Amino acid sequence: GLSRRVEFEMPLDGDALDWARFPPE
C-alpha cells in the first residue's frame, strides 16, 4: 500500500488537457 512516485500538478482554465501547462521534465 505504500507508494513513492513523481507527481506534476498544475491548474487549468477549463476541463481540457493542456500539455503546454506541464513543465518540460
mmCIF file of all heavy atoms, coordinates in Angstrom:
data_MODEL
# 
_entry.id   MODEL 
# 
loop_
_atom_site.group_PDB 
_atom_site.id 
_atom_site.type_symbol 
_atom_site.label_atom_id 
_atom_site.label_alt_id 
_atom_site.label_comp_id 
_atom_site.label_asym_id 
_atom_site.label_entity_id 
_atom_site.label_seq_id 
_atom_site.pdbx_PDB_ins_code 
_atom_site.Cartn_x 
_atom_site.Cartn_y 
_atom_site.Cartn_z 
_atom_site.occupancy 
_atom_site.B_iso_or_equiv 
_atom_site.pdbx_formal_charge 
_atom_site.auth_seq_id 
_atom_site.auth_comp_id 
_atom_site.auth_asym_id 
_atom_site.auth_atom_id 
_atom_site.pdbx_PDB_model_num 
ATOM 1   N N   . GLY A 1 1  ? 0.788   -1.217 0.000   1.00 0.00 ? 1  GLY A N   1 
ATOM 2   C CA  . GLY A 1 1  ? 0.000   0.000  0.000   1.00 0.00 ? 1  GLY A CA  1 
ATOM 3   C C   . GLY A 1 1  ? 0.818   1.263  0.000   1.00 0.00 ? 1  GLY A C   1 
ATOM 4   O O   . GLY A 1 1  ? 0.295   2.348  -0.287  1.00 0.00 ? 1  GLY A O   1 
ATOM 5   N N   . LEU A 1 2  ? 2.121   1.194  0.322   1.00 0.00 ? 2  LEU A N   1 
ATOM 6   C CA  . LEU A 1 2  ? 2.973   2.381  0.373   1.00 0.00 ? 2  LEU A CA  1 
ATOM 7   C C   . LEU A 1 2  ? 3.588   2.609  -0.997  1.00 0.00 ? 2  LEU A C   1 
ATOM 8   O O   . LEU A 1 2  ? 4.226   1.728  -1.563  1.00 0.00 ? 2  LEU A O   1 
ATOM 9   C CB  . LEU A 1 2  ? 4.084   2.204  1.410   1.00 0.00 ? 2  LEU A CB  1 
ATOM 10  C CG  . LEU A 1 2  ? 5.017   3.410  1.589   1.00 0.00 ? 2  LEU A CG  1 
ATOM 11  C CD1 . LEU A 1 2  ? 4.285   4.556  2.274   1.00 0.00 ? 2  LEU A CD1 1 
ATOM 12  C CD2 . LEU A 1 2  ? 6.251   3.019  2.386   1.00 0.00 ? 2  LEU A CD2 1 
ATOM 13  N N   . SER A 1 3  ? 3.407   3.827  -1.536  1.00 0.00 ? 3  SER A N   1 
ATOM 14  C CA  . SER A 1 3  ? 3.940   4.132  -2.862  1.00 0.00 ? 3  SER A CA  1 
ATOM 15  C C   . SER A 1 3  ? 4.723   5.434  -2.826  1.00 0.00 ? 3  SER A C   1 
ATOM 16  O O   . SER A 1 3  ? 4.443   6.339  -2.035  1.00 0.00 ? 3  SER A O   1 
ATOM 17  C CB  . SER A 1 3  ? 2.809   4.233  -3.896  1.00 0.00 ? 3  SER A CB  1 
ATOM 18  O OG  . SER A 1 3  ? 1.936   5.300  -3.583  1.00 0.00 ? 3  SER A OG  1 
ATOM 19  N N   . ARG A 1 4  ? 5.719   5.498  -3.700  1.00 0.00 ? 4  ARG A N   1 
ATOM 20  C CA  . ARG A 1 4  ? 6.500   6.710  -3.907  1.00 0.00 ? 4  ARG A CA  1 
ATOM 21  C C   . ARG A 1 4  ? 6.507   6.995  -5.404  1.00 0.00 ? 4  ARG A C   1 
ATOM 22  O O   . ARG A 1 4  ? 6.911   6.147  -6.180  1.00 0.00 ? 4  ARG A O   1 
ATOM 23  C CB  . ARG A 1 4  ? 7.938   6.535  -3.410  1.00 0.00 ? 4  ARG A CB  1 
ATOM 24  C CG  . ARG A 1 4  ? 8.084   6.345  -1.912  1.00 0.00 ? 4  ARG A CG  1 
ATOM 25  C CD  . ARG A 1 4  ? 9.545   6.043  -1.570  1.00 0.00 ? 4  ARG A CD  1 
ATOM 26  N NE  . ARG A 1 4  ? 9.796   6.062  -0.144  1.00 0.00 ? 4  ARG A NE  1 
ATOM 27  C CZ  . ARG A 1 4  ? 9.651   5.018  0.654   1.00 0.00 ? 4  ARG A CZ  1 
ATOM 28  N NH1 . ARG A 1 4  ? 9.233   3.860  0.148   1.00 0.00 ? 4  ARG A NH1 1 
ATOM 29  N NH2 . ARG A 1 4  ? 9.912   5.102  1.947   1.00 0.00 ? 4  ARG A NH2 1 
ATOM 30  N N   . ARG A 1 5  ? 6.055   8.166  -5.800  1.00 0.00 ? 5  ARG A N   1 
ATOM 31  C CA  . ARG A 1 5  ? 6.005   8.469  -7.227  1.00 0.00 ? 5  ARG A CA  1 
ATOM 32  C C   . ARG A 1 5  ? 6.231   9.952  -7.458  1.00 0.00 ? 5  ARG A C   1 
ATOM 33  O O   . ARG A 1 5  ? 5.919   10.791 -6.603  1.00 0.00 ? 5  ARG A O   1 
ATOM 34  C CB  . ARG A 1 5  ? 4.672   8.022  -7.832  1.00 0.00 ? 5  ARG A CB  1 
ATOM 35  C CG  . ARG A 1 5  ? 3.484   8.856  -7.422  1.00 0.00 ? 5  ARG A CG  1 
ATOM 36  C CD  . ARG A 1 5  ? 2.195   8.290  -7.999  1.00 0.00 ? 5  ARG A CD  1 
ATOM 37  N NE  . ARG A 1 5  ? 1.692   7.205  -7.185  1.00 0.00 ? 5  ARG A NE  1 
ATOM 38  C CZ  . ARG A 1 5  ? 0.997   6.177  -7.649  1.00 0.00 ? 5  ARG A CZ  1 
ATOM 39  N NH1 . ARG A 1 5  ? 0.760   6.075  -8.930  1.00 0.00 ? 5  ARG A NH1 1 
ATOM 40  N NH2 . ARG A 1 5  ? 0.584   5.232  -6.845  1.00 0.00 ? 5  ARG A NH2 1 
ATOM 41  N N   . VAL A 1 6  ? 6.793   10.262 -8.625  1.00 0.00 ? 6  VAL A N   1 
ATOM 42  C CA  . VAL A 1 6  ? 6.951   11.658 -9.029  1.00 0.00 ? 6  VAL A CA  1 
ATOM 43  C C   . VAL A 1 6  ? 5.601   12.153 -9.535  1.00 0.00 ? 6  VAL A C   1 
ATOM 44  O O   . VAL A 1 6  ? 4.914   11.462 -10.292 1.00 0.00 ? 6  VAL A O   1 
ATOM 45  C CB  . VAL A 1 6  ? 8.029   11.794 -10.121 1.00 0.00 ? 6  VAL A CB  1 
ATOM 46  C CG1 . VAL A 1 6  ? 8.123   13.239 -10.610 1.00 0.00 ? 6  VAL A CG1 1 
ATOM 47  C CG2 . VAL A 1 6  ? 9.381   11.317 -9.584  1.00 0.00 ? 6  VAL A CG2 1 
ATOM 48  N N   . GLU A 1 7  ? 5.218   13.352 -9.118  1.00 0.00 ? 7  GLU A N   1 
ATOM 49  C CA  . GLU A 1 7  ? 3.916   13.911 -9.464  1.00 0.00 ? 7  GLU A CA  1 
ATOM 50  C C   . GLU A 1 7  ? 4.059   15.353 -9.932  1.00 0.00 ? 7  GLU A C   1 
ATOM 51  O O   . GLU A 1 7  ? 4.757   16.155 -9.302  1.00 0.00 ? 7  GLU A O   1 
ATOM 52  C CB  . GLU A 1 7  ? 2.974   13.856 -8.255  1.00 0.00 ? 7  GLU A CB  1 
ATOM 53  C CG  . GLU A 1 7  ? 1.586   14.420 -8.512  1.00 0.00 ? 7  GLU A CG  1 
ATOM 54  C CD  . GLU A 1 7  ? 0.741   14.448 -7.253  1.00 0.00 ? 7  GLU A CD  1 
ATOM 55  O OE1 . GLU A 1 7  ? 1.023   15.305 -6.393  1.00 0.00 ? 7  GLU A OE1 1 
ATOM 56  O OE2 . GLU A 1 7  ? -0.167  13.618 -7.112  1.00 0.00 ? 7  GLU A OE2 1 
ATOM 57  N N   . PHE A 1 8  ? 3.400   15.669 -11.056 1.00 0.00 ? 8  PHE A N   1 
ATOM 58  C CA  . PHE A 1 8  ? 3.339   17.040 -11.567 1.00 0.00 ? 8  PHE A CA  1 
ATOM 59  C C   . PHE A 1 8  ? 1.877   17.454 -11.609 1.00 0.00 ? 8  PHE A C   1 
ATOM 60  O O   . PHE A 1 8  ? 1.054   16.778 -12.239 1.00 0.00 ? 8  PHE A O   1 
ATOM 61  C CB  . PHE A 1 8  ? 3.941   17.123 -12.980 1.00 0.00 ? 8  PHE A CB  1 
ATOM 62  C CG  . PHE A 1 8  ? 5.362   16.654 -13.073 1.00 0.00 ? 8  PHE A CG  1 
ATOM 63  C CD1 . PHE A 1 8  ? 5.662   15.334 -13.382 1.00 0.00 ? 8  PHE A CD1 1 
ATOM 64  C CD2 . PHE A 1 8  ? 6.416   17.535 -12.852 1.00 0.00 ? 8  PHE A CD2 1 
ATOM 65  C CE1 . PHE A 1 8  ? 6.973   14.903 -13.467 1.00 0.00 ? 8  PHE A CE1 1 
ATOM 66  C CE2 . PHE A 1 8  ? 7.737   17.107 -12.943 1.00 0.00 ? 8  PHE A CE2 1 
ATOM 67  C CZ  . PHE A 1 8  ? 8.010   15.785 -13.253 1.00 0.00 ? 8  PHE A CZ  1 
ATOM 68  N N   . GLU A 1 9  ? 1.543   18.554 -10.964 1.00 0.00 ? 9  GLU A N   1 
ATOM 69  C CA  . GLU A 1 9  ? 0.154   19.015 -10.926 1.00 0.00 ? 9  GLU A CA  1 
ATOM 70  C C   . GLU A 1 9  ? 0.119   20.523 -11.134 1.00 0.00 ? 9  GLU A C   1 
ATOM 71  O O   . GLU A 1 9  ? 0.881   21.266 -10.521 1.00 0.00 ? 9  GLU A O   1 
ATOM 72  C CB  . GLU A 1 9  ? -0.485  18.653 -9.587  1.00 0.00 ? 9  GLU A CB  1 
ATOM 73  C CG  . GLU A 1 9  ? -1.975  18.958 -9.508  1.00 0.00 ? 9  GLU A CG  1 
ATOM 74  C CD  . GLU A 1 9  ? -2.616  18.363 -8.271  1.00 0.00 ? 9  GLU A CD  1 
ATOM 75  O OE1 . GLU A 1 9  ? -2.456  18.974 -7.185  1.00 0.00 ? 9  GLU A OE1 1 
ATOM 76  O OE2 . GLU A 1 9  ? -3.255  17.300 -8.367  1.00 0.00 ? 9  GLU A OE2 1 
ATOM 77  N N   . MET A 1 10 ? -0.779  20.988 -12.009 1.00 0.00 ? 10 MET A N   1 
ATOM 78  C CA  . MET A 1 10 ? -0.918  22.419 -12.276 1.00 0.00 ? 10 MET A CA  1 
ATOM 79  C C   . MET A 1 10 ? -2.345  22.761 -12.664 1.00 0.00 ? 10 MET A C   1 
ATOM 80  O O   . MET A 1 10 ? -3.097  21.901 -13.148 1.00 0.00 ? 10 MET A O   1 
ATOM 81  C CB  . MET A 1 10 ? 0.049   22.897 -13.364 1.00 0.00 ? 10 MET A CB  1 
ATOM 82  C CG  . MET A 1 10 ? 0.177   22.024 -14.549 1.00 0.00 ? 10 MET A CG  1 
ATOM 83  S SD  . MET A 1 10 ? 1.425   20.740 -14.305 1.00 0.00 ? 10 MET A SD  1 
ATOM 84  C CE  . MET A 1 10 ? 2.777   21.663 -13.615 1.00 0.00 ? 10 MET A CE  1 
ATOM 85  N N   . PRO A 1 11 ? -2.744  24.035 -12.435 1.00 0.00 ? 11 PRO A N   1 
ATOM 86  C CA  . PRO A 1 11 ? -4.130  24.445 -12.688 1.00 0.00 ? 11 PRO A CA  1 
ATOM 87  C C   . PRO A 1 11 ? -4.423  24.600 -14.172 1.00 0.00 ? 11 PRO A C   1 
ATOM 88  O O   . PRO A 1 11 ? -3.532  24.805 -14.997 1.00 0.00 ? 11 PRO A O   1 
ATOM 89  C CB  . PRO A 1 11 ? -4.219  25.792 -11.968 1.00 0.00 ? 11 PRO A CB  1 
ATOM 90  C CG  . PRO A 1 11 ? -2.814  26.309 -11.943 1.00 0.00 ? 11 PRO A CG  1 
ATOM 91  C CD  . PRO A 1 11 ? -1.935  25.102 -11.823 1.00 0.00 ? 11 PRO A CD  1 
ATOM 92  N N   . LEU A 1 12 ? -5.727  24.485 -14.495 1.00 0.00 ? 12 LEU A N   1 
ATOM 93  C CA  . LEU A 1 12 ? -6.227  24.676 -15.849 1.00 0.00 ? 12 LEU A CA  1 
ATOM 94  C C   . LEU A 1 12 ? -7.319  25.745 -15.839 1.00 0.00 ? 12 LEU A C   1 
ATOM 95  O O   . LEU A 1 12 ? -7.948  26.005 -14.800 1.00 0.00 ? 12 LEU A O   1 
ATOM 96  C CB  . LEU A 1 12 ? -6.816  23.369 -16.397 1.00 0.00 ? 12 LEU A CB  1 
ATOM 97  C CG  . LEU A 1 12 ? -5.849  22.224 -16.712 1.00 0.00 ? 12 LEU A CG  1 
ATOM 98  C CD1 . LEU A 1 12 ? -6.645  20.957 -17.019 1.00 0.00 ? 12 LEU A CD1 1 
ATOM 99  C CD2 . LEU A 1 12 ? -4.949  22.580 -17.889 1.00 0.00 ? 12 LEU A CD2 1 
ATOM 100 N N   . ASP A 1 13 ? -7.591  26.298 -17.016 1.00 0.00 ? 13 ASP A N   1 
ATOM 101 C CA  . ASP A 1 13 ? -8.681  27.264 -17.139 1.00 0.00 ? 13 ASP A CA  1 
ATOM 102 C C   . ASP A 1 13 ? -10.020 26.572 -17.361 1.00 0.00 ? 13 ASP A C   1 
ATOM 103 O O   . ASP A 1 13 ? -11.077 27.169 -17.167 1.00 0.00 ? 13 ASP A O   1 
ATOM 104 C CB  . ASP A 1 13 ? -8.408  28.226 -18.310 1.00 0.00 ? 13 ASP A CB  1 
ATOM 105 C CG  . ASP A 1 13 ? -7.177  29.089 -18.053 1.00 0.00 ? 13 ASP A CG  1 
ATOM 106 O OD1 . ASP A 1 13 ? -6.910  29.377 -16.872 1.00 0.00 ? 13 ASP A OD1 1 
ATOM 107 O OD2 . ASP A 1 13 ? -6.488  29.439 -19.022 1.00 0.00 ? 13 ASP A OD2 1 
ATOM 108 N N   . GLY A 1 14 ? -9.998  25.319 -17.790 1.00 0.00 ? 14 GLY A N   1 
ATOM 109 C CA  . GLY A 1 14 ? -11.226 24.567 -18.026 1.00 0.00 ? 14 GLY A CA  1 
ATOM 110 C C   . GLY A 1 14 ? -10.958 23.094 -17.916 1.00 0.00 ? 14 GLY A C   1 
ATOM 111 O O   . GLY A 1 14 ? -9.991  22.676 -17.263 1.00 0.00 ? 14 GLY A O   1 
ATOM 112 N N   . ASP A 1 15 ? -11.792 22.271 -18.590 1.00 0.00 ? 15 ASP A N   1 
ATOM 113 C CA  . ASP A 1 15 ? -11.651 20.820 -18.433 1.00 0.00 ? 15 ASP A CA  1 
ATOM 114 C C   . ASP A 1 15 ? -10.805 20.171 -19.518 1.00 0.00 ? 15 ASP A C   1 
ATOM 115 O O   . ASP A 1 15 ? -10.724 18.950 -19.592 1.00 0.00 ? 15 ASP A O   1 
ATOM 116 C CB  . ASP A 1 15 ? -13.032 20.167 -18.408 1.00 0.00 ? 15 ASP A CB  1 
ATOM 117 C CG  . ASP A 1 15 ? -13.790 20.366 -19.711 1.00 0.00 ? 15 ASP A CG  1 
ATOM 118 O OD1 . ASP A 1 15 ? -13.319 21.137 -20.555 1.00 0.00 ? 15 ASP A OD1 1 
ATOM 119 O OD2 . ASP A 1 15 ? -14.854 19.744 -19.868 1.00 0.00 ? 15 ASP A OD2 1 
ATOM 120 N N   . ALA A 1 16 ? -10.181 20.984 -20.381 1.00 0.00 ? 16 ALA A N   1 
ATOM 121 C CA  . ALA A 1 16 ? -9.386  20.431 -21.477 1.00 0.00 ? 16 ALA A CA  1 
ATOM 122 C C   . ALA A 1 16 ? -7.923  20.244 -21.059 1.00 0.00 ? 16 ALA A C   1 
ATOM 123 O O   . ALA A 1 16 ? -7.325  21.130 -20.434 1.00 0.00 ? 16 ALA A O   1 
ATOM 124 C CB  . ALA A 1 16 ? -9.454  21.343 -22.702 1.00 0.00 ? 16 ALA A CB  1 
ATOM 125 N N   . LEU A 1 17 ? -7.373  19.095 -21.405 1.00 0.00 ? 17 LEU A N   1 
ATOM 126 C CA  . LEU A 1 17 ? -5.963  18.815 -21.133 1.00 0.00 ? 17 LEU A CA  1 
ATOM 127 C C   . LEU A 1 17 ? -5.089  19.802 -21.905 1.00 0.00 ? 17 LEU A C   1 
ATOM 128 O O   . LEU A 1 17 ? -5.338  20.085 -23.072 1.00 0.00 ? 17 LEU A O   1 
ATOM 129 C CB  . LEU A 1 17 ? -5.657  17.388 -21.561 1.00 0.00 ? 17 LEU A CB  1 
ATOM 130 C CG  . LEU A 1 17 ? -4.266  16.839 -21.281 1.00 0.00 ? 17 LEU A CG  1 
ATOM 131 C CD1 . LEU A 1 17 ? -4.047  16.679 -19.790 1.00 0.00 ? 17 LEU A CD1 1 
ATOM 132 C CD2 . LEU A 1 17 ? -4.117  15.479 -21.986 1.00 0.00 ? 17 LEU A CD2 1 
ATOM 133 N N   . ASP A 1 18 ? -4.077  20.344 -21.251 1.00 0.00 ? 18 ASP A N   1 
ATOM 134 C CA  . ASP A 1 18 ? -3.194  21.341 -21.884 1.00 0.00 ? 18 ASP A CA  1 
ATOM 135 C C   . ASP A 1 18 ? -1.743  20.941 -21.623 1.00 0.00 ? 18 ASP A C   1 
ATOM 136 O O   . ASP A 1 18 ? -1.193  21.187 -20.544 1.00 0.00 ? 18 ASP A O   1 
ATOM 137 C CB  . ASP A 1 18 ? -3.481  22.730 -21.315 1.00 0.00 ? 18 ASP A CB  1 
ATOM 138 C CG  . ASP A 1 18 ? -2.694  23.821 -22.022 1.00 0.00 ? 18 ASP A CG  1 
ATOM 139 O OD1 . ASP A 1 18 ? -1.823  23.490 -22.856 1.00 0.00 ? 18 ASP A OD1 1 
ATOM 140 O OD2 . ASP A 1 18 ? -2.930  25.006 -21.733 1.00 0.00 ? 18 ASP A OD2 1 
ATOM 141 N N   . TRP A 1 19 ? -1.099  20.329 -22.633 1.00 0.00 ? 19 TRP A N   1 
ATOM 142 C CA  . TRP A 1 19 ? 0.281   19.867 -22.455 1.00 0.00 ? 19 TRP A CA  1 
ATOM 143 C C   . TRP A 1 19 ? 1.235   21.020 -22.178 1.00 0.00 ? 19 TRP A C   1 
ATOM 144 O O   . TRP A 1 19 ? 2.238   20.847 -21.462 1.00 0.00 ? 19 TRP A O   1 
ATOM 145 C CB  . TRP A 1 19 ? 0.736   19.113 -23.702 1.00 0.00 ? 19 TRP A CB  1 
ATOM 146 C CG  . TRP A 1 19 ? 0.123   17.755 -23.825 1.00 0.00 ? 19 TRP A CG  1 
ATOM 147 C CD1 . TRP A 1 19 ? -0.906  17.394 -24.622 1.00 0.00 ? 19 TRP A CD1 1 
ATOM 148 C CD2 . TRP A 1 19 ? 0.493   16.585 -23.093 1.00 0.00 ? 19 TRP A CD2 1 
ATOM 149 N NE1 . TRP A 1 19 ? -1.214  16.062 -24.449 1.00 0.00 ? 19 TRP A NE1 1 
ATOM 150 C CE2 . TRP A 1 19 ? -0.364  15.538 -23.521 1.00 0.00 ? 19 TRP A CE2 1 
ATOM 151 C CE3 . TRP A 1 19 ? 1.461   16.314 -22.123 1.00 0.00 ? 19 TRP A CE3 1 
ATOM 152 C CZ2 . TRP A 1 19 ? -0.276  14.249 -23.012 1.00 0.00 ? 19 TRP A CZ2 1 
ATOM 153 C CZ3 . TRP A 1 19 ? 1.557   15.027 -21.626 1.00 0.00 ? 19 TRP A CZ3 1 
ATOM 154 C CH2 . TRP A 1 19 ? 0.697   14.012 -22.059 1.00 0.00 ? 19 TRP A CH2 1 
ATOM 155 N N   . ALA A 1 20 ? 0.946   22.186 -22.704 1.00 0.00 ? 20 ALA A N   1 
ATOM 156 C CA  . ALA A 1 20 ? 1.852   23.327 -22.521 1.00 0.00 ? 20 ALA A CA  1 
ATOM 157 C C   . ALA A 1 20 ? 1.955   23.750 -21.065 1.00 0.00 ? 20 ALA A C   1 
ATOM 158 O O   . ALA A 1 20 ? 2.934   24.400 -20.680 1.00 0.00 ? 20 ALA A O   1 
ATOM 159 C CB  . ALA A 1 20 ? 1.383   24.502 -23.382 1.00 0.00 ? 20 ALA A CB  1 
ATOM 160 N N   . ARG A 1 21 ? 0.950   23.410 -20.264 1.00 0.00 ? 21 ARG A N   1 
ATOM 161 C CA  . ARG A 1 21 ? 0.992   23.779 -18.842 1.00 0.00 ? 21 ARG A CA  1 
ATOM 162 C C   . ARG A 1 21 ? 1.999   22.942 -18.051 1.00 0.00 ? 21 ARG A C   1 
ATOM 163 O O   . ARG A 1 21 ? 2.443   23.364 -16.987 1.00 0.00 ? 21 ARG A O   1 
ATOM 164 C CB  . ARG A 1 21 ? -0.398  23.616 -18.222 1.00 0.00 ? 21 ARG A CB  1 
ATOM 165 C CG  . ARG A 1 21 ? -1.461  24.562 -18.766 1.00 0.00 ? 21 ARG A CG  1 
ATOM 166 C CD  . ARG A 1 21 ? -1.254  25.992 -18.279 1.00 0.00 ? 21 ARG A CD  1 
ATOM 167 N NE  . ARG A 1 21 ? -2.287  26.890 -18.746 1.00 0.00 ? 21 ARG A NE  1 
ATOM 168 C CZ  . ARG A 1 21 ? -3.299  27.331 -18.011 1.00 0.00 ? 21 ARG A CZ  1 
ATOM 169 N NH1 . ARG A 1 21 ? -3.412  26.935 -16.747 1.00 0.00 ? 21 ARG A NH1 1 
ATOM 170 N NH2 . ARG A 1 21 ? -4.176  28.161 -18.520 1.00 0.00 ? 21 ARG A NH2 1 
ATOM 171 N N   . PHE A 1 22 ? 2.298   21.751 -18.565 1.00 0.00 ? 22 PHE A N   1 
ATOM 172 C CA  . PHE A 1 22 ? 3.258   20.907 -17.858 1.00 0.00 ? 22 PHE A CA  1 
ATOM 173 C C   . PHE A 1 22 ? 4.674   21.425 -18.090 1.00 0.00 ? 22 PHE A C   1 
ATOM 174 O O   . PHE A 1 22 ? 4.998   21.908 -19.183 1.00 0.00 ? 22 PHE A O   1 
ATOM 175 C CB  . PHE A 1 22 ? 3.196   19.464 -18.359 1.00 0.00 ? 22 PHE A CB  1 
ATOM 176 C CG  . PHE A 1 22 ? 2.031   18.671 -17.844 1.00 0.00 ? 22 PHE A CG  1 
ATOM 177 C CD1 . PHE A 1 22 ? 1.121   18.096 -18.728 1.00 0.00 ? 22 PHE A CD1 1 
ATOM 178 C CD2 . PHE A 1 22 ? 1.848   18.483 -16.490 1.00 0.00 ? 22 PHE A CD2 1 
ATOM 179 C CE1 . PHE A 1 22 ? 0.057   17.345 -18.267 1.00 0.00 ? 22 PHE A CE1 1 
ATOM 180 C CE2 . PHE A 1 22 ? 0.779   17.738 -16.008 1.00 0.00 ? 22 PHE A CE2 1 
ATOM 181 C CZ  . PHE A 1 22 ? -0.123  17.175 -16.902 1.00 0.00 ? 22 PHE A CZ  1 
ATOM 182 N N   . PRO A 1 23 ? 5.563   21.311 -17.112 1.00 0.00 ? 23 PRO A N   1 
ATOM 183 C CA  . PRO A 1 23 ? 6.966   21.674 -17.331 1.00 0.00 ? 23 PRO A CA  1 
ATOM 184 C C   . PRO A 1 23 ? 7.626   20.671 -18.273 1.00 0.00 ? 23 PRO A C   1 
ATOM 185 O O   . PRO A 1 23 ? 7.133   19.552 -18.447 1.00 0.00 ? 23 PRO A O   1 
ATOM 186 C CB  . PRO A 1 23 ? 7.578   21.609 -15.922 1.00 0.00 ? 23 PRO A CB  1 
ATOM 187 C CG  . PRO A 1 23 ? 6.717   20.648 -15.178 1.00 0.00 ? 23 PRO A CG  1 
ATOM 188 C CD  . PRO A 1 23 ? 5.322   20.842 -15.716 1.00 0.00 ? 23 PRO A CD  1 
ATOM 189 N N   . PRO A 1 24 ? 8.731   21.030 -18.883 1.00 0.00 ? 24 PRO A N   1 
ATOM 190 C CA  . PRO A 1 24 ? 9.393   20.130 -19.844 1.00 0.00 ? 24 PRO A CA  1 
ATOM 191 C C   . PRO A 1 24 ? 9.719   18.760 -19.256 1.00 0.00 ? 24 PRO A C   1 
ATOM 192 O O   . PRO A 1 24 ? 9.586   17.736 -19.944 1.00 0.00 ? 24 PRO A O   1 
ATOM 193 C CB  . PRO A 1 24 ? 10.660  20.888 -20.226 1.00 0.00 ? 24 PRO A CB  1 
ATOM 194 C CG  . PRO A 1 24 ? 10.325  22.327 -19.989 1.00 0.00 ? 24 PRO A CG  1 
ATOM 195 C CD  . PRO A 1 24 ? 9.401   22.337 -18.805 1.00 0.00 ? 24 PRO A CD  1 
ATOM 196 N N   . GLU A 1 25 ? 10.142  18.721 -17.987 1.00 0.00 ? 25 GLU A N   1 
ATOM 197 C CA  . GLU A 1 25 ? 10.513  17.418 -17.412 1.00 0.00 ? 25 GLU A CA  1 
ATOM 198 C C   . GLU A 1 25 ? 9.296   16.508 -17.269 1.00 0.00 ? 25 GLU A C   1 
ATOM 199 O O   . GLU A 1 25 ? 9.442   15.278 -17.245 1.00 0.00 ? 25 GLU A O   1 
ATOM 200 C CB  . GLU A 1 25 ? 11.212  17.597 -16.056 1.00 0.00 ? 25 GLU A CB  1 
ATOM 201 C CG  . GLU A 1 25 ? 10.400  18.347 -15.007 1.00 0.00 ? 25 GLU A CG  1 
ATOM 202 C CD  . GLU A 1 25 ? 10.710  19.838 -15.014 1.00 0.00 ? 25 GLU A CD  1 
ATOM 203 O OE1 . GLU A 1 25 ? 11.029  20.378 -16.089 1.00 0.00 ? 25 GLU A OE1 1 
ATOM 204 O OE2 . GLU A 1 25 ? 10.628  20.449 -13.922 1.00 0.00 ? 25 GLU A OE2 1 
# 
